[in-house]
Amino acid sequence: MDRELYEKAGAWLEEHKNAMVEDIKRLVRIDSVSRPGTDDTPFGRGCAQALEEMLAIGTVALRVISYSFLLAGFDIIAGSVCQAIGNPVHTLICSVCRQLAALLPAAWLLAQTGVLDLVWFCFPISEVVSLVLSILFLRKTMRAAESRIAALGDA
């Protein structure tokens, strides 16, 4: 298994080598050493250029990742309800599944394309998985709480 994975990783690296080298060359080409600058670029034009490049990458990332914030809000509330009612394991399962069963595999699969901008979509994908689990666990927790309350009323 390790040998097969090693060979697959090597083949993927070889296939995407040129694109990665070009990305690295583009970033390294920027003379980002701090030098006296102007009012517009207080640390010099090179540092400003490096910042602009990182902002371009980060802007795309934030735009894509921010879609998952809406789903994460519900996941957090559902997890809090499950914990408050007495099922903290459900919240743990959601968190582990979000990170290990969804986020990492999705990031790996999207990285296979060699396109950095696609990798950011692993975050909304993992939040959708977490949302489904949160809904299922919240329903289960609420039903259990209702039956406990009904049992108390019958007593």
N, C-alpha and C. Protein backbone atom coordinates (compact mmCIF):
# COMPACT_ATOMS: atom_id res chain seq x y z
N MET A 1 0.82 -1.20 0.00
CA MET A 1 0.00 0.00 0.00
C MET A 1 0.87 1.26 0.00
N ASP A 2 1.90 1.28 0.87
CA ASP A 2 2.77 2.45 0.94
C ASP A 2 3.50 2.67 -0.37
N ARG A 3 3.93 1.58 -0.99
CA ARG A 3 4.65 1.68 -2.26
C ARG A 3 3.74 2.24 -3.34
N GLU A 4 2.50 1.76 -3.37
CA GLU A 4 1.53 2.22 -4.37
C GLU A 4 1.22 3.70 -4.17
N LEU A 5 1.03 4.11 -2.91
CA LEU A 5 0.76 5.52 -2.61
C LEU A 5 1.96 6.38 -3.00
N TYR A 6 3.14 5.91 -2.71
CA TYR A 6 4.36 6.63 -3.07
C TYR A 6 4.45 6.82 -4.58
N GLU A 7 4.14 5.78 -5.32
CA GLU A 7 4.18 5.86 -6.79
C GLU A 7 3.12 6.81 -7.33
N LYS A 8 1.92 6.77 -6.75
CA LYS A 8 0.85 7.68 -7.18
C LYS A 8 1.23 9.13 -6.89
N ALA A 9 1.77 9.36 -5.70
CA ALA A 9 2.19 10.72 -5.34
C ALA A 9 3.28 11.21 -6.28
N GLY A 10 4.23 10.33 -6.58
CA GLY A 10 5.30 10.70 -7.50
C GLY A 10 4.78 11.01 -8.89
N ALA A 11 3.83 10.22 -9.36
CA ALA A 11 3.24 10.45 -10.68
C ALA A 11 2.48 11.78 -10.70
N TRP A 12 1.74 12.06 -9.61
CA TRP A 12 0.98 13.31 -9.55
C TRP A 12 1.94 14.50 -9.54
N LEU A 13 2.99 14.41 -8.74
CA LEU A 13 3.97 15.50 -8.68
C LEU A 13 4.62 15.72 -10.04
N GLU A 14 4.94 14.65 -10.72
CA GLU A 14 5.56 14.77 -12.04
C GLU A 14 4.59 15.42 -13.03
N GLU A 15 3.33 15.04 -12.93
CA GLU A 15 2.31 15.58 -13.85
C GLU A 15 2.07 17.07 -13.62
N HIS A 16 2.14 17.51 -12.37
CA HIS A 16 1.83 18.90 -12.03
C HIS A 16 3.08 19.74 -11.75
N LYS A 17 4.23 19.16 -11.99
CA LYS A 17 5.49 19.82 -11.67
C LYS A 17 5.62 21.18 -12.34
N ASN A 18 5.35 21.25 -13.63
CA ASN A 18 5.52 22.51 -14.36
C ASN A 18 4.63 23.61 -13.81
N ALA A 19 3.37 23.29 -13.51
CA ALA A 19 2.46 24.31 -12.97
C ALA A 19 2.93 24.80 -11.61
N MET A 20 3.39 23.87 -10.76
CA MET A 20 3.88 24.26 -9.44
C MET A 20 5.14 25.11 -9.55
N VAL A 21 6.04 24.71 -10.44
CA VAL A 21 7.28 25.47 -10.63
C VAL A 21 6.96 26.88 -11.13
N GLU A 22 6.02 27.00 -12.04
CA GLU A 22 5.64 28.33 -12.55
C GLU A 22 5.04 29.19 -11.44
N ASP A 23 4.20 28.60 -10.59
CA ASP A 23 3.63 29.35 -9.46
C ASP A 23 4.74 29.82 -8.52
N ILE A 24 5.66 28.94 -8.21
CA ILE A 24 6.77 29.29 -7.31
C ILE A 24 7.65 30.36 -7.95
N LYS A 25 7.94 30.22 -9.24
CA LYS A 25 8.77 31.21 -9.94
C LYS A 25 8.09 32.58 -9.94
N ARG A 26 6.77 32.58 -10.14
CA ARG A 26 6.02 33.84 -10.14
C ARG A 26 6.16 34.55 -8.79
N LEU A 27 6.09 33.77 -7.71
CA LEU A 27 6.19 34.36 -6.38
C LEU A 27 7.62 34.74 -6.02
N VAL A 28 8.58 33.91 -6.40
CA VAL A 28 9.98 34.19 -6.07
C VAL A 28 10.53 35.34 -6.89
N ARG A 29 10.01 35.54 -8.08
CA ARG A 29 10.45 36.63 -8.96
C ARG A 29 10.22 38.00 -8.32
N ILE A 30 9.29 38.07 -7.40
CA ILE A 30 8.98 39.35 -6.77
C ILE A 30 10.10 39.70 -5.79
N ASP A 31 10.69 40.84 -5.99
CA ASP A 31 11.76 41.32 -5.11
C ASP A 31 11.10 41.92 -3.87
N SER A 32 10.85 41.07 -2.88
CA SER A 32 10.07 41.50 -1.72
C SER A 32 10.93 41.92 -0.53
N VAL A 33 12.15 42.33 -0.79
CA VAL A 33 13.03 42.80 0.27
C VAL A 33 12.63 44.23 0.60
N SER A 34 12.54 44.52 1.88
CA SER A 34 12.12 45.85 2.33
C SER A 34 13.18 46.89 1.95
N ARG A 35 12.70 47.92 1.30
CA ARG A 35 13.55 49.05 0.90
C ARG A 35 12.77 50.33 1.16
N PRO A 36 13.48 51.42 1.32
CA PRO A 36 12.75 52.69 1.48
C PRO A 36 11.83 52.91 0.29
N GLY A 37 10.62 53.29 0.59
CA GLY A 37 9.65 53.45 -0.47
C GLY A 37 9.06 54.84 -0.49
N THR A 38 7.87 54.91 -1.01
CA THR A 38 7.15 56.18 -1.10
C THR A 38 5.95 56.11 -0.15
N ASP A 39 5.11 57.12 -0.22
CA ASP A 39 3.91 57.11 0.61
C ASP A 39 2.98 55.95 0.22
N ASP A 40 2.94 55.62 -1.08
CA ASP A 40 2.09 54.52 -1.55
C ASP A 40 2.67 53.16 -1.18
N THR A 41 3.97 53.04 -1.15
CA THR A 41 4.63 51.77 -0.85
C THR A 41 5.71 52.01 0.20
N PRO A 42 5.35 52.09 1.49
CA PRO A 42 6.32 52.48 2.52
C PRO A 42 7.50 51.52 2.67
N PHE A 43 7.37 50.26 2.25
CA PHE A 43 8.47 49.31 2.36
C PHE A 43 9.07 48.97 1.01
N GLY A 44 8.71 49.72 0.00
CA GLY A 44 9.25 49.50 -1.34
C GLY A 44 8.24 48.81 -2.25
N ARG A 45 8.47 48.94 -3.55
CA ARG A 45 7.56 48.38 -4.55
C ARG A 45 7.51 46.86 -4.50
N GLY A 46 8.62 46.21 -4.20
CA GLY A 46 8.66 44.75 -4.14
C GLY A 46 7.74 44.18 -3.07
N CYS A 47 7.79 44.78 -1.89
CA CYS A 47 6.91 44.31 -0.80
C CYS A 47 5.45 44.54 -1.16
N ALA A 48 5.17 45.67 -1.79
CA ALA A 48 3.79 45.95 -2.21
C ALA A 48 3.33 44.94 -3.25
N GLN A 49 4.22 44.58 -4.15
CA GLN A 49 3.89 43.60 -5.19
C GLN A 49 3.63 42.21 -4.58
N ALA A 50 4.45 41.82 -3.60
CA ALA A 50 4.25 40.54 -2.92
C ALA A 50 2.91 40.54 -2.19
N LEU A 51 2.59 41.64 -1.55
CA LEU A 51 1.32 41.77 -0.84
C LEU A 51 0.15 41.66 -1.82
N GLU A 52 0.26 42.31 -2.96
CA GLU A 52 -0.81 42.25 -3.97
C GLU A 52 -1.03 40.82 -4.46
N GLU A 53 0.05 40.07 -4.65
CA GLU A 53 -0.06 38.68 -5.11
C GLU A 53 -0.73 37.81 -4.05
N MET A 54 -0.33 37.98 -2.79
CA MET A 54 -0.95 37.21 -1.71
C MET A 54 -2.41 37.60 -1.52
N LEU A 55 -2.71 38.88 -1.69
CA LEU A 55 -4.11 39.32 -1.59
C LEU A 55 -4.96 38.72 -2.70
N ALA A 56 -4.39 38.58 -3.89
CA ALA A 56 -5.13 37.97 -4.99
C ALA A 56 -5.47 36.52 -4.67
N ILE A 57 -4.51 35.78 -4.10
CA ILE A 57 -4.76 34.40 -3.71
C ILE A 57 -5.76 34.35 -2.55
N GLY A 58 -5.56 35.19 -1.55
CA GLY A 58 -6.42 35.20 -0.37
C GLY A 58 -7.83 35.67 -0.65
N THR A 59 -8.01 36.57 -1.60
CA THR A 59 -9.35 37.05 -1.93
C THR A 59 -10.21 35.93 -2.48
N VAL A 60 -9.66 35.16 -3.37
CA VAL A 60 -10.40 34.02 -3.92
C VAL A 60 -10.71 33.02 -2.81
N ALA A 61 -9.72 32.76 -1.98
CA ALA A 61 -9.92 31.80 -0.88
C ALA A 61 -11.04 32.26 0.05
N LEU A 62 -11.01 33.51 0.46
CA LEU A 62 -12.02 34.00 1.40
C LEU A 62 -13.41 34.00 0.78
N ARG A 63 -13.50 34.35 -0.49
CA ARG A 63 -14.81 34.35 -1.15
C ARG A 63 -15.42 32.96 -1.16
N VAL A 64 -14.61 31.97 -1.43
CA VAL A 64 -15.12 30.59 -1.49
C VAL A 64 -15.40 30.06 -0.08
N ILE A 65 -14.46 30.26 0.83
CA ILE A 65 -14.60 29.73 2.19
C ILE A 65 -15.78 30.39 2.91
N SER A 66 -16.05 31.65 2.62
CA SER A 66 -17.11 32.35 3.34
C SER A 66 -18.50 31.75 3.10
N TYR A 67 -18.69 31.02 2.01
CA TYR A 67 -19.97 30.34 1.82
C TYR A 67 -20.23 29.34 2.94
N SER A 68 -19.18 28.77 3.46
CA SER A 68 -19.36 27.76 4.50
C SER A 68 -19.71 28.37 5.86
N PHE A 69 -19.54 29.68 6.03
CA PHE A 69 -19.85 30.31 7.32
C PHE A 69 -21.33 30.17 7.66
N LEU A 70 -22.19 30.30 6.66
CA LEU A 70 -23.63 30.19 6.92
C LEU A 70 -23.99 28.81 7.44
N LEU A 71 -23.42 27.79 6.83
CA LEU A 71 -23.68 26.42 7.26
C LEU A 71 -23.05 26.16 8.63
N ALA A 72 -21.87 26.69 8.85
CA ALA A 72 -21.16 26.48 10.11
C ALA A 72 -21.96 27.05 11.28
N GLY A 73 -22.67 28.14 11.06
CA GLY A 73 -23.50 28.73 12.12
C GLY A 73 -24.54 27.74 12.61
N PHE A 74 -25.23 27.11 11.68
CA PHE A 74 -26.22 26.11 12.07
C PHE A 74 -25.55 24.93 12.76
N ASP A 75 -24.42 24.49 12.24
CA ASP A 75 -23.70 23.35 12.83
C ASP A 75 -23.31 23.64 14.28
N ILE A 76 -22.87 24.85 14.54
CA ILE A 76 -22.47 25.24 15.90
C ILE A 76 -23.67 25.23 16.83
N ILE A 77 -24.78 25.79 16.38
CA ILE A 77 -25.99 25.82 17.21
C ILE A 77 -26.51 24.40 17.45
N ALA A 78 -26.55 23.59 16.40
CA ALA A 78 -27.02 22.21 16.56
C ALA A 78 -26.12 21.44 17.52
N GLY A 79 -24.82 21.62 17.40
CA GLY A 79 -23.90 20.96 18.31
C GLY A 79 -24.08 21.41 19.75
N SER A 80 -24.34 22.69 19.94
CA SER A 80 -24.57 23.22 21.30
C SER A 80 -25.85 22.63 21.90
N VAL A 81 -26.88 22.52 21.08
CA VAL A 81 -28.14 21.94 21.56
C VAL A 81 -27.92 20.48 21.95
N CYS A 82 -27.24 19.73 21.09
CA CYS A 82 -26.97 18.31 21.39
C CYS A 82 -26.18 18.18 22.69
N GLN A 83 -25.19 19.03 22.89
CA GLN A 83 -24.39 18.97 24.12
C GLN A 83 -25.23 19.34 25.33
N ALA A 84 -26.05 20.38 25.19
CA ALA A 84 -26.85 20.83 26.32
C ALA A 84 -27.88 19.79 26.75
N ILE A 85 -28.41 19.05 25.79
CA ILE A 85 -29.42 18.04 26.09
C ILE A 85 -28.77 16.74 26.56
N GLY A 86 -27.50 16.58 26.35
CA GLY A 86 -26.81 15.42 26.88
C GLY A 86 -26.24 14.47 25.87
N ASN A 87 -25.99 14.90 24.64
CA ASN A 87 -25.37 14.04 23.62
C ASN A 87 -24.12 14.69 23.03
N PRO A 88 -23.09 14.88 23.85
CA PRO A 88 -21.88 15.53 23.34
C PRO A 88 -21.14 14.70 22.29
N VAL A 89 -21.37 13.40 22.29
CA VAL A 89 -20.69 12.53 21.32
C VAL A 89 -21.11 12.90 19.89
N HIS A 90 -22.37 13.31 19.73
CA HIS A 90 -22.84 13.69 18.39
C HIS A 90 -22.04 14.87 17.84
N THR A 91 -21.74 15.82 18.70
CA THR A 91 -20.96 16.98 18.28
C THR A 91 -19.54 16.55 17.91
N LEU A 92 -18.98 15.66 18.69
CA LEU A 92 -17.64 15.15 18.40
C LEU A 92 -17.62 14.43 17.05
N ILE A 93 -18.62 13.60 16.80
CA ILE A 93 -18.69 12.87 15.53
C ILE A 93 -18.78 13.85 14.36
N CYS A 94 -19.61 14.88 14.50
CA CYS A 94 -19.73 15.89 13.43
C CYS A 94 -18.40 16.57 13.16
N SER A 95 -17.70 16.95 14.22
CA SER A 95 -16.41 17.64 14.05
C SER A 95 -15.37 16.74 13.39
N VAL A 96 -15.29 15.51 13.85
CA VAL A 96 -14.30 14.59 13.27
C VAL A 96 -14.64 14.30 11.81
N CYS A 97 -15.91 14.08 11.53
CA CYS A 97 -16.31 13.81 10.14
C CYS A 97 -16.05 15.02 9.24
N ARG A 98 -16.30 16.21 9.77
CA ARG A 98 -16.05 17.41 8.97
C ARG A 98 -14.58 17.50 8.58
N GLN A 99 -13.70 17.25 9.56
CA GLN A 99 -12.27 17.41 9.31
C GLN A 99 -11.63 16.23 8.59
N LEU A 100 -11.88 15.03 9.12
CA LEU A 100 -11.16 13.86 8.60
C LEU A 100 -11.87 13.16 7.45
N ALA A 101 -13.19 13.07 7.51
CA ALA A 101 -13.91 12.32 6.48
C ALA A 101 -14.31 13.20 5.30
N ALA A 102 -14.34 14.52 5.49
CA ALA A 102 -14.78 15.40 4.40
C ALA A 102 -13.70 16.38 3.95
N LEU A 103 -13.19 17.19 4.87
CA LEU A 103 -12.27 18.27 4.50
C LEU A 103 -10.97 17.75 3.87
N LEU A 104 -10.29 16.85 4.55
CA LEU A 104 -9.01 16.37 4.03
C LEU A 104 -9.15 15.62 2.70
N PRO A 105 -10.09 14.66 2.59
CA PRO A 105 -10.24 13.99 1.28
C PRO A 105 -10.66 14.95 0.17
N ALA A 106 -11.56 15.89 0.48
CA ALA A 106 -11.99 16.85 -0.54
C ALA A 106 -10.82 17.73 -0.98
N ALA A 107 -10.03 18.18 -0.02
CA ALA A 107 -8.85 19.01 -0.36
C ALA A 107 -7.88 18.22 -1.23
N TRP A 108 -7.67 16.97 -0.87
CA TRP A 108 -6.74 16.13 -1.64
C TRP A 108 -7.26 15.92 -3.06
N LEU A 109 -8.55 15.59 -3.18
CA LEU A 109 -9.11 15.36 -4.51
C LEU A 109 -9.07 16.64 -5.36
N LEU A 110 -9.42 17.76 -4.76
CA LEU A 110 -9.40 19.02 -5.51
C LEU A 110 -7.97 19.44 -5.86
N ALA A 111 -7.02 19.08 -5.02
CA ALA A 111 -5.62 19.40 -5.31
C ALA A 111 -5.11 18.60 -6.51
N GLN A 112 -5.75 17.48 -6.78
CA GLN A 112 -5.34 16.66 -7.92
C GLN A 112 -5.51 17.41 -9.24
N THR A 113 -6.36 18.43 -9.25
CA THR A 113 -6.55 19.22 -10.47
C THR A 113 -5.35 20.12 -10.75
N GLY A 114 -4.57 20.45 -9.70
CA GLY A 114 -3.45 21.35 -9.86
C GLY A 114 -3.86 22.81 -9.89
N VAL A 115 -5.14 23.08 -9.60
CA VAL A 115 -5.65 24.45 -9.61
C VAL A 115 -5.91 24.88 -8.16
N LEU A 116 -5.13 25.82 -7.67
CA LEU A 116 -5.23 26.25 -6.28
C LEU A 116 -6.63 26.77 -5.95
N ASP A 117 -7.23 27.53 -6.85
CA ASP A 117 -8.54 28.12 -6.58
C ASP A 117 -9.62 27.07 -6.33
N LEU A 118 -9.47 25.87 -6.87
CA LEU A 118 -10.46 24.82 -6.64
C LEU A 118 -10.31 24.19 -5.26
N VAL A 119 -9.12 24.19 -4.72
CA VAL A 119 -8.88 23.55 -3.43
C VAL A 119 -9.71 24.21 -2.33
N TRP A 120 -9.97 25.49 -2.45
CA TRP A 120 -10.74 26.20 -1.42
C TRP A 120 -12.16 25.66 -1.28
N PHE A 121 -12.67 25.01 -2.31
CA PHE A 121 -14.04 24.48 -2.24
C PHE A 121 -14.17 23.31 -1.28
N CYS A 122 -13.05 22.80 -0.76
CA CYS A 122 -13.14 21.71 0.22
C CYS A 122 -13.84 22.18 1.49
N PHE A 123 -13.76 23.48 1.80
CA PHE A 123 -14.40 23.98 3.01
C PHE A 123 -15.93 23.96 2.92
N PRO A 124 -16.55 24.51 1.87
CA PRO A 124 -18.00 24.39 1.77
C PRO A 124 -18.46 22.93 1.65
N ILE A 125 -17.69 22.11 0.97
CA ILE A 125 -18.06 20.69 0.84
C ILE A 125 -18.09 20.04 2.22
N SER A 126 -17.08 20.28 3.03
CA SER A 126 -17.05 19.66 4.36
C SER A 126 -18.17 20.21 5.25
N GLU A 127 -18.54 21.46 5.07
CA GLU A 127 -19.65 22.01 5.87
C GLU A 127 -20.98 21.41 5.46
N VAL A 128 -21.16 21.07 4.20
CA VAL A 128 -22.40 20.40 3.77
C VAL A 128 -22.49 19.03 4.44
N VAL A 129 -21.38 18.31 4.46
CA VAL A 129 -21.36 17.00 5.15
C VAL A 129 -21.70 17.18 6.62
N SER A 130 -21.11 18.17 7.24
CA SER A 130 -21.37 18.44 8.65
C SER A 130 -22.82 18.86 8.87
N LEU A 131 -23.38 19.62 7.94
CA LEU A 131 -24.77 20.05 8.05
C LEU A 131 -25.71 18.85 8.04
N VAL A 132 -25.48 17.92 7.14
CA VAL A 132 -26.32 16.73 7.06
C VAL A 132 -26.25 15.95 8.37
N LEU A 133 -25.04 15.75 8.88
CA LEU A 133 -24.88 15.03 10.14
C LEU A 133 -25.52 15.79 11.30
N SER A 134 -25.36 17.10 11.31
CA SER A 134 -25.94 17.92 12.38
C SER A 134 -27.46 17.80 12.39
N ILE A 135 -28.07 17.84 11.21
CA ILE A 135 -29.53 17.72 11.12
C ILE A 135 -29.97 16.34 11.65
N LEU A 136 -29.29 15.29 11.21
CA LEU A 136 -29.64 13.94 11.66
C LEU A 136 -29.49 13.80 13.17
N PHE A 137 -28.36 14.25 13.70
CA PHE A 137 -28.12 14.12 15.14
C PHE A 137 -29.05 15.02 15.95
N LEU A 138 -29.35 16.20 15.44
CA LEU A 138 -30.26 17.10 16.16
C LEU A 138 -31.65 16.49 16.24
N ARG A 139 -32.11 15.91 15.13
CA ARG A 139 -33.43 15.25 15.14
C ARG A 139 -33.45 14.11 16.14
N LYS A 140 -32.39 13.31 16.14
CA LYS A 140 -32.31 12.18 17.07
C LYS A 140 -32.29 12.67 18.52
N THR A 141 -31.53 13.71 18.79
CA THR A 141 -31.43 14.27 20.13
C THR A 141 -32.77 14.85 20.58
N MET A 142 -33.44 15.57 19.69
CA MET A 142 -34.73 16.17 20.04
C MET A 142 -35.79 15.10 20.30
N ARG A 143 -35.79 14.05 19.51
CA ARG A 143 -36.75 12.95 19.73
C ARG A 143 -36.50 12.28 21.08
N ALA A 144 -35.23 12.06 21.40
CA ALA A 144 -34.89 11.45 22.69
C ALA A 144 -35.32 12.36 23.84
N ALA A 145 -35.12 13.66 23.69
CA ALA A 145 -35.52 14.61 24.74
C ALA A 145 -37.03 14.63 24.88
N GLU A 146 -37.76 14.60 23.78
CA GLU A 146 -39.22 14.58 23.83
C GLU A 146 -39.73 13.33 24.53
N SER A 147 -39.14 12.19 24.24
CA SER A 147 -39.59 10.96 24.90
C SER A 147 -39.26 10.97 26.39
N ARG A 148 -38.13 11.57 26.78
CA ARG A 148 -37.81 11.68 28.21
C ARG A 148 -38.79 12.61 28.93
N ILE A 149 -39.15 13.70 28.24
CA ILE A 149 -40.12 14.63 28.82
C ILE A 149 -41.49 13.97 28.94
N ALA A 150 -41.87 13.22 27.91
CA ALA A 150 -43.16 12.52 27.95
C ALA A 150 -43.16 11.49 29.08
N ALA A 151 -42.05 10.80 29.28
CA ALA A 151 -41.96 9.81 30.35
C ALA A 151 -42.07 10.48 31.73
N LEU A 152 -41.53 11.67 31.87
CA LEU A 152 -41.64 12.39 33.11
C LEU A 152 -43.09 12.83 33.38
N GLY A 153 -43.78 13.19 32.30
CA GLY A 153 -45.19 13.59 32.42
C GLY A 153 -46.10 12.44 32.80
N ASP A 154 -45.75 11.24 32.36
CA ASP A 154 -46.55 10.06 32.67
C ASP A 154 -46.31 9.58 34.10
N ALA A 155 -45.19 9.95 34.68
CA ALA A 155 -44.84 9.45 36.02
C ALA A 155 -45.58 10.13 37.11
